[in-house]
């Protein structure tokens, strides 16, 4: 794929994904992981910013 970029360049290269290929971008989180990130997400909901 990198060989298809302009010489010395980088970036996205068009790539056809066949119809019979299934892609899933869901995150798989444990309950413990959710418990850890929930306060961060709640802060984002309330303020529009992520905490430091």
Protein backbone atom coordinates (compact mmCIF):
# COMPACT_ATOMS: atom_id res chain seq x y z
CA UNK A 1 0.00 0.00 0.00
CA UNK A 2 2.75 2.47 0.84
CA UNK A 3 4.16 1.79 -2.60
CA UNK A 4 1.02 3.39 -4.08
CA UNK A 5 1.55 6.79 -2.45
CA UNK A 6 3.35 9.49 -4.34
CA UNK A 7 7.11 9.17 -4.01
CA UNK A 8 8.15 10.37 -0.57
CA UNK A 9 4.52 10.84 0.45
CA UNK A 10 2.26 9.29 3.00
CA UNK A 11 -1.45 9.22 3.56
CA UNK A 12 -4.61 7.31 2.82
CA UNK A 13 -4.66 5.00 -0.17
CA UNK A 14 -8.01 3.95 -1.69
CA UNK A 15 -8.66 0.28 -0.97
CA UNK A 16 -11.72 -1.64 -2.13
CA UNK A 17 -13.25 -3.82 0.58
CA UNK A 18 -15.15 -6.76 -0.90
CA UNK A 19 -18.89 -6.97 -0.11
CA UNK A 20 -18.46 -10.31 1.67
CA UNK A 21 -16.05 -8.81 4.22
CA UNK A 22 -17.66 -7.76 7.49
CA UNK A 23 -16.02 -4.98 9.49
CA UNK A 24 -16.97 -4.19 13.07
CA UNK A 25 -15.57 -1.20 14.91
CA UNK A 26 -17.17 -1.78 18.29
CA UNK A 27 -15.04 -1.66 21.41
CA UNK A 28 -15.02 -4.69 23.67
CA UNK A 29 -14.75 -3.44 27.24
CA UNK A 30 -14.85 -5.29 30.52
CA UNK A 31 -17.02 -3.97 33.32
CA UNK A 32 -13.85 -2.88 35.10
CA UNK A 33 -12.73 -0.86 32.07
CA UNK A 34 -16.13 0.81 31.84
CA UNK A 35 -16.02 1.62 35.55
CA UNK A 36 -12.65 3.30 35.00
CA UNK A 37 -13.64 5.44 32.00
CA UNK A 38 -17.18 6.32 33.12
CA UNK A 39 -16.13 9.33 35.26
CA UNK A 40 -14.06 10.64 32.34
CA UNK A 41 -17.00 10.34 29.96
CA UNK A 42 -19.39 11.90 32.48
CA UNK A 43 -17.04 14.86 32.87
CA UNK A 44 -16.99 15.25 29.09
CA UNK A 45 -20.80 15.21 28.96
CA UNK A 46 -21.01 17.91 31.62
CA UNK A 47 -18.18 20.20 30.46
CA UNK A 48 -17.44 19.37 26.82
CA UNK A 49 -13.79 18.80 27.77
CA UNK A 50 -11.79 15.79 28.80
CA UNK A 51 -10.10 16.03 32.20
CA UNK A 52 -6.32 16.36 32.35
